[in-house]
Protein backbone atom coordinates (compact mmCIF):
# COMPACT_ATOMS: atom_id res chain seq x y z
CA MET A 1 -10.29 -22.24 -2.95
CA LYS A 2 -13.67 -20.65 -3.63
CA VAL A 3 -13.96 -16.91 -2.97
CA ILE A 4 -16.89 -14.53 -3.42
CA ILE A 5 -15.92 -10.87 -3.82
CA CYS A 6 -18.79 -8.45 -3.25
CA GLY A 7 -18.15 -5.15 -4.97
CA ALA A 8 -16.55 -4.87 -8.41
CA GLY A 9 -15.12 -1.37 -8.07
CA GLN A 10 -11.39 -0.66 -8.16
CA VAL A 11 -10.71 -2.44 -4.86
CA GLY A 12 -12.84 -5.48 -5.64
CA TRP A 13 -11.45 -5.73 -9.17
CA GLN A 14 -7.84 -5.65 -7.97
CA ILE A 15 -8.49 -8.31 -5.31
CA ALA A 16 -10.23 -10.47 -7.91
CA ARG A 17 -7.25 -10.06 -10.24
CA HIS A 18 -4.81 -11.19 -7.56
CA LEU A 19 -6.84 -14.16 -6.34
CA SER A 20 -7.96 -15.41 -9.76
CA GLY A 21 -4.34 -15.22 -10.91
CA GLU A 22 -3.49 -17.62 -8.10
CA ARG A 23 -5.89 -20.16 -9.59
CA ASN A 24 -8.65 -19.65 -7.04
CA ASP A 25 -12.31 -20.05 -8.00
CA VAL A 26 -13.49 -16.41 -7.84
CA THR A 27 -17.00 -15.02 -8.26
CA VAL A 28 -17.59 -11.26 -8.36
CA VAL A 29 -20.93 -9.78 -7.25
CA ASP A 30 -22.06 -6.20 -7.89
CA SER A 31 -25.35 -4.39 -8.40
CA ASN A 32 -23.87 -2.65 -11.45
CA PRO A 33 -23.96 -5.06 -14.44
CA ASP A 34 -21.34 -2.99 -16.30
CA LEU A 35 -18.79 -3.49 -13.50
CA VAL A 36 -19.54 -7.21 -13.43
CA ARG A 37 -19.09 -7.40 -17.19
CA ARG A 38 -15.76 -5.56 -16.95
CA ALA A 39 -14.53 -8.09 -14.39
CA THR A 40 -15.65 -11.17 -16.35
CA ASP A 41 -14.29 -9.80 -19.64
CA SER A 42 -10.82 -9.01 -18.28
CA LEU A 43 -10.35 -11.62 -15.56
CA ASP A 44 -10.78 -15.36 -15.15
CA VAL A 45 -13.77 -14.95 -12.82
CA GLN A 46 -17.49 -15.58 -12.76
CA GLY A 47 -19.90 -12.68 -12.33
CA ILE A 48 -23.29 -12.17 -10.71
CA ALA A 49 -25.28 -8.94 -11.06
CA GLY A 50 -27.33 -8.22 -7.93
CA PHE A 51 -27.27 -6.90 -4.39
CA ALA A 52 -24.56 -8.70 -2.45
CA SER A 53 -26.50 -8.79 0.82
CA TYR A 54 -29.47 -10.65 -0.69
CA PRO A 55 -29.43 -14.35 0.25
CA ASP A 56 -30.61 -15.45 -3.20
CA VAL A 57 -27.80 -13.48 -4.86
CA LEU A 58 -25.18 -15.03 -2.57
CA ASP A 59 -26.73 -18.43 -3.23
CA ARG A 60 -26.36 -17.93 -7.00
CA ALA A 61 -22.75 -16.85 -6.39
CA GLY A 62 -22.07 -20.22 -4.73
CA ALA A 63 -22.06 -19.24 -1.05
CA ARG A 64 -23.15 -22.74 0.04
CA ASP A 65 -19.69 -24.13 -0.63
CA ALA A 66 -17.61 -20.92 -0.54
CA ASP A 67 -14.50 -20.74 1.61
CA MET A 68 -14.49 -16.97 1.92
CA VAL A 69 -16.59 -13.85 1.33
CA ILE A 70 -14.88 -10.48 0.89
CA ALA A 71 -17.39 -7.63 1.24
CA ALA A 72 -15.85 -4.56 -0.39
CA THR A 73 -18.83 -2.58 -1.68
CA HIS A 74 -19.07 1.18 -1.13
CA SER A 75 -21.65 0.70 1.64
CA ASP A 76 -20.62 -0.26 5.19
CA GLU A 77 -24.13 -1.49 5.90
CA VAL A 78 -24.20 -3.73 2.83
CA ASN A 79 -20.79 -5.13 3.75
CA MET A 80 -21.86 -5.93 7.32
CA VAL A 81 -25.18 -7.49 6.30
CA THR A 82 -23.41 -9.52 3.60
CA CYS A 83 -21.09 -11.02 6.22
CA GLN A 84 -24.03 -11.70 8.54
CA VAL A 85 -25.99 -13.48 5.80
CA ALA A 86 -22.89 -15.40 4.68
CA HIS A 87 -22.44 -16.60 8.27
CA SER A 88 -26.03 -17.24 9.37
CA VAL A 89 -27.51 -18.63 6.16
CA PHE A 90 -24.55 -20.25 4.41
CA ALA A 91 -22.00 -20.85 7.21
CA VAL A 92 -19.14 -19.40 5.11
CA PRO A 93 -15.98 -20.05 7.20
CA ARG A 94 -14.23 -16.69 6.67
CA LYS A 95 -15.68 -13.22 6.20
CA VAL A 96 -13.78 -10.01 5.40
CA ALA A 97 -15.47 -6.59 5.41
CA ARG A 98 -14.34 -3.14 4.39
CA LEU A 99 -15.77 -0.52 6.77
CA ARG A 100 -15.34 3.24 6.67
CA ALA A 101 -17.52 4.81 9.37
CA GLU A 102 -15.58 5.51 12.55
CA SER A 103 -18.67 4.79 14.65
CA TYR A 104 -18.84 1.20 13.36
CA LEU A 105 -15.11 0.72 13.80
CA THR A 106 -15.18 1.99 17.37
CA ALA A 107 -17.99 -0.41 18.25
CA ILE A 108 -16.43 -3.40 16.50
CA TYR A 109 -12.99 -2.88 18.05
CA SER A 110 -14.39 -2.26 21.54
CA ASP A 111 -14.88 -4.83 24.28
CA LEU A 112 -18.62 -4.69 23.61
CA TYR A 113 -18.14 -6.37 20.25
CA ARG A 114 -18.97 -10.05 20.13
CA ARG A 115 -18.23 -12.05 17.01
CA ASP A 116 -21.48 -14.01 17.22
CA HIS A 117 -23.38 -10.71 16.98
CA MET A 118 -21.48 -9.42 13.95
CA PRO A 119 -19.52 -12.33 12.46
CA ILE A 120 -16.70 -10.53 10.64
CA ASP A 121 -13.32 -12.24 10.85
CA VAL A 122 -11.28 -9.38 9.41
CA VAL A 123 -12.25 -5.70 9.32
CA ILE A 124 -10.43 -3.43 6.88
CA SER A 125 -10.66 0.32 7.40
CA PRO A 126 -9.45 2.26 4.34
CA GLU A 127 -9.10 5.44 6.40
CA ARG A 128 -6.97 3.74 9.05
CA GLU A 129 -4.86 2.00 6.43
CA VAL A 130 -4.31 5.30 4.58
CA ALA A 131 -3.45 7.02 7.87
CA GLU A 132 -0.85 4.33 8.55
CA ALA A 133 0.57 4.79 5.04
CA ALA A 134 0.71 8.57 5.62
CA LEU A 135 2.62 8.05 8.86
CA GLN A 136 5.10 5.79 7.03
CA ARG A 137 5.63 8.55 4.45
CA LEU A 138 6.20 11.09 7.20
CA ALA A 139 8.66 8.73 8.90
CA ALA A 140 10.65 8.51 5.65
CA PRO A 141 10.30 12.07 4.32
CA VAL A 142 12.85 11.68 1.54
CA ALA A 143 11.00 8.71 -0.01
CA PHE A 144 8.02 9.10 -2.31
CA ASP A 145 6.90 5.53 -1.55
CA THR A 146 7.66 3.14 1.29
CA GLU A 147 6.50 -0.23 2.62
CA LYS A 148 7.89 -2.64 5.21
CA PHE A 149 8.64 -6.33 4.61
CA LEU A 150 9.95 -9.31 6.60
CA ASP A 151 8.35 -8.04 9.81
CA GLY A 152 9.99 -4.65 9.44
CA GLN A 153 13.52 -5.98 8.86
CA ALA A 154 13.48 -4.79 5.24
CA GLN A 155 11.91 -1.72 3.69
CA LEU A 156 11.02 -0.73 0.14
CA MET A 157 11.83 2.93 -0.52
CA GLY A 158 10.98 4.97 -3.58
CA LEU A 159 13.75 7.54 -4.14
CA SER A 160 13.83 10.30 -6.73
CA ILE A 161 17.22 10.63 -8.43
CA ASP A 162 18.28 14.28 -8.34
CA PRO A 163 20.90 15.88 -10.66
CA GLU A 164 23.32 16.14 -7.73
CA SER A 165 22.83 12.54 -6.62
CA PRO A 166 26.18 10.67 -6.25
CA VAL A 167 24.77 7.54 -7.90
CA ILE A 168 23.88 8.95 -11.33
CA ASN A 169 25.69 7.68 -14.43
CA THR A 170 27.10 4.74 -12.47
CA PRO A 171 26.34 1.11 -13.44
CA LEU A 172 24.49 -0.69 -10.65
CA ARG A 173 27.10 -3.46 -10.53
CA GLN A 174 29.72 -0.81 -9.78
CA LEU A 175 27.63 0.48 -6.88
CA THR A 176 27.50 -3.07 -5.56
CA ASP A 177 31.29 -3.33 -5.79
CA LEU A 178 31.85 0.05 -4.12
CA PHE A 179 29.47 -0.67 -1.25
CA SER A 180 29.86 -4.42 -0.87
CA THR A 181 28.51 -4.53 2.70
CA LEU A 182 25.46 -2.39 1.92
CA ARG A 183 22.29 -4.47 2.12
CA ALA A 184 20.32 -2.56 -0.51
CA VAL A 185 19.11 -3.54 -3.97
CA VAL A 186 17.64 -1.33 -6.70
CA VAL A 187 14.71 -3.51 -7.78
CA GLY A 188 12.76 -1.11 -9.98
CA VAL A 189 13.30 2.08 -11.97
CA ARG A 190 10.74 4.42 -13.51
CA ARG A 191 12.13 6.42 -16.42
CA GLU A 192 10.01 8.76 -18.54
CA GLY A 193 6.86 7.09 -17.24
CA THR A 194 7.98 3.49 -17.85
CA LEU A 195 8.67 1.12 -14.95
CA PHE A 196 11.25 -1.64 -15.43
CA ALA A 197 13.45 -4.04 -13.46
CA PRO A 198 17.06 -2.90 -14.06
CA GLU A 199 19.98 -5.12 -15.03
CA SER A 200 23.41 -4.92 -13.39
CA GLY A 201 24.80 -2.84 -16.27
CA ASP A 202 22.01 -0.26 -16.16
CA GLN A 203 22.68 3.22 -14.82
CA LEU A 204 20.53 5.68 -12.90
CA PHE A 205 19.98 9.10 -14.45
CA ALA A 206 18.70 12.39 -13.10
CA GLY A 207 14.90 12.38 -13.19
CA ASP A 208 14.62 8.62 -12.60
CA SER A 209 12.58 7.20 -9.74
CA ALA A 210 14.26 4.21 -8.10
CA TYR A 211 12.64 1.56 -5.92
CA VAL A 212 15.22 0.28 -3.45
CA MET A 213 14.85 -2.67 -1.06
CA VAL A 214 16.91 -1.87 2.03
CA HIS A 215 17.80 -3.70 5.23
CA ALA A 216 16.28 -1.73 8.12
CA ASP A 217 19.72 -1.17 9.67
CA ASP A 218 21.12 0.25 6.42
CA ILE A 219 18.43 2.85 5.66
CA GLY A 220 20.49 5.82 6.85
CA ARG A 221 23.57 4.76 4.91
CA THR A 222 21.52 4.09 1.76
CA LEU A 223 19.93 7.53 1.88
CA GLU A 224 23.37 9.09 2.25
CA ILE A 225 24.69 7.18 -0.80
CA PHE A 226 21.69 8.35 -2.85
CA GLY A 227 22.33 11.93 -1.76
CA LYS A 228 19.30 12.19 0.51
CA THR A 229 19.51 14.08 3.77
CA TYR A 230 17.20 12.89 6.51
CA ARG A 231 15.40 15.74 8.23
CA LYS A 232 13.68 15.17 11.54
CA GLN A 233 9.97 15.93 11.44
CA GLU A 234 9.14 18.48 14.13
CA ARG A 235 6.42 20.60 12.48
CA VAL A 236 3.67 19.10 10.33
CA VAL A 237 0.67 20.72 8.65
CA ILE A 238 -2.31 18.49 7.81
CA VAL A 239 -4.88 19.77 5.31
CA GLY A 240 -8.06 17.76 5.81
CA GLY A 241 -9.45 16.99 9.25
CA GLY A 242 -11.67 14.07 8.25
CA ASN A 243 -11.13 10.48 9.39
CA VAL A 244 -7.69 10.19 7.76
CA GLY A 245 -6.33 13.54 8.93
CA LEU A 246 -7.75 13.02 12.40
CA ALA A 247 -6.21 9.55 12.68
CA VAL A 248 -2.79 10.89 11.62
CA ALA A 249 -2.99 13.78 14.10
CA ARG A 250 -3.95 11.39 16.93
CA ARG A 251 -0.97 9.15 16.18
CA LEU A 252 1.39 12.13 16.01
CA GLU A 253 0.19 13.24 19.44
CA LYS A 254 1.02 9.82 20.88
CA LYS A 255 4.61 9.81 19.63
CA THR A 256 7.27 10.05 22.31
CA GLU A 257 9.14 12.74 20.40
CA ARG A 258 7.21 16.00 20.30
CA ILE A 259 5.76 16.84 16.90
CA ARG A 260 3.89 20.10 16.50
CA ALA A 261 0.94 19.56 14.17
CA LYS A 262 -1.69 21.90 12.82
CA VAL A 263 -4.86 20.78 11.02
CA ILE A 264 -6.84 22.78 8.45
CA GLU A 265 -10.43 21.65 7.86
CA ARG A 266 -12.99 23.34 5.63
CA ASP A 267 -16.16 21.84 7.16
CA ARG A 268 -16.99 23.62 10.43
CA LYS A 269 -18.61 20.63 12.16
CA GLN A 270 -15.69 18.39 11.28
CA ALA A 271 -13.24 21.06 12.42
CA GLU A 272 -15.06 21.33 15.75
CA ARG A 273 -15.02 17.56 16.13
CA ALA A 274 -11.28 17.45 15.43
CA ALA A 275 -10.64 20.27 17.92
CA GLU A 276 -12.56 18.38 20.60
CA GLU A 277 -10.77 15.07 20.04
CA LEU A 278 -7.22 16.41 19.72
CA GLU A 279 -5.37 17.62 22.81
CA ARG A 280 -2.19 19.34 21.62
CA THR A 281 -3.00 19.92 17.94
CA ILE A 282 -4.20 23.31 16.71
CA VAL A 283 -7.22 23.06 14.37
CA LEU A 284 -7.92 25.88 11.92
CA HIS A 285 -11.26 26.22 10.16
CA GLY A 286 -10.97 27.23 6.53
CA ASP A 287 -9.98 26.32 2.97
CA GLY A 288 -6.65 24.55 2.55
CA LEU A 289 -6.21 26.39 -0.76
CA ASP A 290 -6.24 29.75 1.04
CA ARG A 291 -2.69 31.11 0.93
CA ALA A 292 -3.22 33.25 4.04
CA LEU A 293 -4.57 30.29 6.02
CA LEU A 294 -1.65 28.08 4.95
CA SER A 295 0.68 30.84 6.11
CA GLU A 296 -1.20 31.09 9.43
CA ALA A 297 -0.67 27.34 9.85
CA GLY A 298 3.05 27.95 9.32
CA VAL A 299 3.42 25.86 6.17
CA GLU A 300 6.56 27.77 5.14
CA ARG A 301 8.23 26.70 8.41
CA ALA A 302 6.85 23.15 8.44
CA ASP A 303 9.06 20.13 7.86
CA ALA A 304 6.24 18.39 5.98
CA ALA A 305 2.67 18.96 4.86
CA LEU A 306 0.06 16.26 4.33
CA PHE A 307 -2.98 16.84 2.09
CA VAL A 308 -5.77 14.33 2.77
CA THR A 309 -9.07 15.97 1.82
CA ASP A 310 -11.58 13.96 -0.23
CA ASP A 311 -10.85 16.06 -3.34
CA ASP A 312 -7.78 15.03 -5.39
CA LYS A 313 -7.54 18.40 -7.14
CA VAL A 314 -7.67 20.34 -3.87
CA ASN A 315 -4.93 18.11 -2.47
CA MET A 316 -2.70 18.66 -5.49
CA LEU A 317 -3.22 22.42 -5.82
CA ALA A 318 -2.84 23.04 -2.09
CA ALA A 319 0.36 20.96 -2.12
CA VAL A 320 1.75 23.03 -5.00
CA ARG A 321 0.94 26.20 -3.06
CA ALA A 322 2.64 24.84 0.07
CA LYS A 323 5.69 23.85 -1.96
CA ALA A 324 5.87 27.33 -3.46
CA ALA A 325 5.74 28.77 0.06
CA GLY A 326 8.86 26.81 1.00
CA CYS A 327 7.61 23.56 2.55
CA PRO A 328 10.33 20.95 1.79
CA MET A 329 8.07 17.87 1.80
CA VAL A 330 4.48 17.62 0.54
CA ILE A 331 2.46 14.38 0.52
CA VAL A 332 -0.93 14.11 -1.18
CA LEU A 333 -3.81 11.65 -1.15
CA ILE A 334 -4.73 10.69 -4.74
CA ASN A 335 -7.71 8.49 -5.57
CA ASP A 336 -7.46 8.82 -9.34
CA PRO A 337 -4.36 6.92 -10.58
CA THR A 338 -4.41 8.83 -13.88
CA LEU A 339 -3.30 11.93 -11.95
CA VAL A 340 -0.11 10.27 -10.67
CA PRO A 341 2.02 11.26 -13.72
CA LEU A 342 1.37 14.90 -12.75
CA MET A 343 3.12 14.49 -9.40
CA GLU A 344 6.67 15.01 -10.67
CA PRO A 345 5.97 18.03 -12.95
CA LEU A 346 4.09 19.70 -10.08
CA GLY A 347 6.94 19.08 -7.64
CA ILE A 348 4.89 16.89 -5.31
CA ASP A 349 7.21 14.67 -3.28
CA ALA A 350 4.99 11.69 -2.45
CA TYR A 351 1.47 10.41 -2.84
CA ILE A 352 -0.80 7.82 -1.26
CA ASN A 353 -3.25 5.77 -3.33
CA PRO A 354 -6.00 4.57 -0.95
CA ARG A 355 -7.14 1.86 -3.36
CA SER A 356 -3.68 0.27 -3.57
CA THR A 357 -3.28 0.63 0.19
CA THR A 358 -6.63 -1.04 0.87
CA VAL A 359 -5.99 -3.87 -1.61
CA SER A 360 -2.56 -4.56 -0.10
CA SER A 361 -4.09 -4.57 3.38
CA ILE A 362 -6.87 -7.00 2.46
CA LEU A 363 -4.43 -9.37 0.77
CA ARG A 364 -2.10 -9.16 3.77
CA HIS A 365 -4.89 -10.00 6.19
CA ILE A 366 -6.41 -12.91 4.29
CA ARG A 367 -3.13 -14.62 3.42
CA HIS A 368 -2.02 -16.87 6.24
CA GLY A 369 0.07 -19.22 4.18
CA LYS A 370 3.20 -19.11 2.05
CA VAL A 371 2.48 -15.70 0.49
CA ARG A 372 2.85 -13.26 3.35
CA THR A 373 2.56 -9.85 1.70
CA VAL A 374 1.74 -8.35 -1.68
CA TYR A 375 2.38 -4.64 -2.26
CA SER A 376 1.14 -2.97 -5.43
CA ILE A 377 3.30 -0.32 -7.11
CA GLY A 378 1.88 2.49 -9.22
CA ASP A 379 -1.34 1.73 -11.06
CA ALA A 380 -0.89 -2.04 -10.57
CA GLU A 381 2.22 -1.87 -12.77
CA ALA A 382 4.29 -4.08 -10.50
CA GLU A 383 4.07 -6.04 -7.27
CA VAL A 384 6.46 -6.73 -4.44
CA ILE A 385 5.75 -10.23 -3.15
CA GLU A 386 6.98 -11.68 0.13
CA ALA A 387 6.68 -15.46 0.32
CA GLU A 388 8.11 -18.54 1.98
CA VAL A 389 10.01 -20.91 -0.31
CA LEU A 390 8.50 -24.39 -0.47
CA SER A 391 10.55 -27.56 -0.82
CA THR A 392 8.65 -28.27 -4.06
CA SER A 393 9.57 -24.89 -5.56
CA PRO A 394 11.93 -24.94 -8.59
CA ILE A 395 14.07 -22.30 -6.86
CA ALA A 396 14.63 -24.32 -3.66
CA GLY A 397 18.28 -25.42 -3.48
CA ALA A 398 19.36 -23.20 -6.38
CA MET A 399 21.70 -20.22 -6.35
CA ILE A 400 20.08 -16.93 -7.38
CA ARG A 401 22.31 -16.63 -10.48
CA ASP A 402 21.04 -20.01 -11.71
CA ILE A 403 17.33 -19.28 -11.29
CA ASP A 404 15.57 -18.48 -14.56
CA PHE A 405 13.69 -15.40 -13.38
CA PRO A 406 11.84 -13.36 -16.04
CA GLU A 407 13.44 -10.06 -17.07
CA GLY A 408 10.88 -8.15 -15.01
CA VAL A 409 11.71 -9.93 -11.72
CA LEU A 410 14.44 -9.17 -9.18
CA VAL A 411 15.18 -10.53 -5.71
CA GLY A 412 15.07 -7.71 -3.17
CA ALA A 413 15.75 -9.47 0.12
CA VAL A 414 16.09 -12.96 1.65
CA ARG A 415 15.60 -13.99 5.27
CA LYS A 416 17.24 -17.16 6.53
CA GLY A 417 15.96 -17.98 9.98
CA ASP A 418 15.81 -14.62 11.71
CA LYS A 419 18.60 -12.97 9.67
CA VAL A 420 18.04 -10.88 6.53
CA VAL A 421 20.90 -11.32 4.05
CA LYS A 422 21.91 -9.52 0.87
CA PRO A 423 20.66 -11.39 -2.24
CA THR A 424 23.88 -11.92 -4.18
CA GLY A 425 24.17 -14.17 -7.22
CA GLY A 426 25.95 -16.83 -5.19
CA LEU A 427 23.32 -16.99 -2.45
CA ARG A 428 21.55 -20.35 -2.33
CA ILE A 429 17.79 -20.26 -1.75
CA GLU A 430 16.68 -23.02 0.62
CA ASP A 431 13.39 -24.55 1.66
CA GLY A 432 11.87 -22.37 4.39
CA ASP A 433 13.66 -19.16 3.38
CA GLN A 434 11.53 -16.06 3.10
CA ILE A 435 12.10 -14.14 -0.11
CA VAL A 436 10.98 -10.72 -1.32
CA LEU A 437 10.60 -10.35 -5.09
CA PHE A 438 9.92 -7.33 -7.27
CA SER A 439 7.86 -8.34 -10.31
CA LEU A 440 6.31 -6.43 -13.16
CA SER A 441 2.63 -7.34 -13.33
CA GLY A 442 3.00 -9.37 -16.53
CA ASP A 443 5.56 -11.64 -14.86
CA VAL A 444 3.54 -12.40 -11.72
CA PRO A 445 2.15 -15.72 -13.05
CA GLU A 446 5.71 -16.99 -13.65
CA VAL A 447 6.72 -15.87 -10.15
CA GLU A 448 3.83 -17.89 -8.76
CA ARG A 449 5.01 -20.93 -10.73
CA LEU A 450 8.56 -20.54 -9.45
CA LEU A 451 7.36 -20.16 -5.88
CA GLN A 452 4.87 -23.01 -6.27
CA VAL A 453 2.48 -20.77 -4.38
CA SER A 454 0.10 -22.68 -2.17
CA ILE A 455 -2.25 -20.24 -0.50
CA ASP A 456 -3.55 -21.36 2.86
CA PHE A 457 -6.06 -18.86 4.16
CA PHE A 458 -6.93 -20.66 7.36
């Protein structure tokens, strides 16, 4: 399949990496020649330097016979015009656009929107996707990372291993024996900064970060086994009243269970806008780093605090201050992946990477075939892939213990029909099963070979 990706920043580069790795014909377009060169030097893609919305640039990129255009530049207007040109001039069948401005999103999602006026097949809003990720973190306050799979029947949870955790110094195979009915699998472990797929004889140690794939019905029991106590979220402080913070506050107001939220916003106009749009949420105008203002918001009594300003350093420092004041759960928005290793030393419980969230969302929306979901872990260190097993796949008809998976790959969950089952060594994988795999990035090509991935985007 032929895909044109407009925008070679972090989001565009990651999408290009995924799609080119699946043997698609990918062309990257960006007005910055250095970004284009980075993409062509490191990926199996073609590159065009120029403005993505210009018809002659799209023509040089091969729009006349392209199957899809993904407009992911930093400009909403460029992304929209690119999709319009791709549709009107080149009749590209499928157009995906990343849009940020709430005004555009409101118009596009309203009844007034007509596809023939603005021909965008899929709209991705980074702010809305990040807000959804933040709500997932709040819903699982003991996890530093979380994502749903198999239509919500399975969930990936990132759990920090504390010194008092009951599972430390115990081989994973022994945990399986002790809790034979527990539908949970430790698929990844980060130890001293290195992420790996554990073997059955490996143990978990204090300070480790474990990625666990859990059946939705077994989440509570799994948390108990890992020594995590679930605490109901009743009071939440949100630092940052921009699009992300506002979206989270709106969703919290709509929940059936009452959640008392307070928002701190530094920009007066934005604070006034938030105060006007929110009904039951208190909005405070001021600096989220101000200790007195955090205290006024009740951060020491809050069950969780969410830091979603557009400044990574403000988010991190304000979170540290909230933690010092006694807030048990702090979640920060981090754009720069190089800052992630600082999370643990600073005592920050969870983070959200908007780039990874946006990439996962775009891939989820454009894949309508055998690969259903791809979730990126860390700084693209690993992926969790949900796919349907084809009859032509080498793993179809084989038991899990007999499949020659690479060392960096583990089966996290399997769905047969409408039932999610525990992936034991004796489980036979059949044609039509849906399987969730954890894979280190270097092993993804072999996973694709084993799955005989056939992407059908239409």
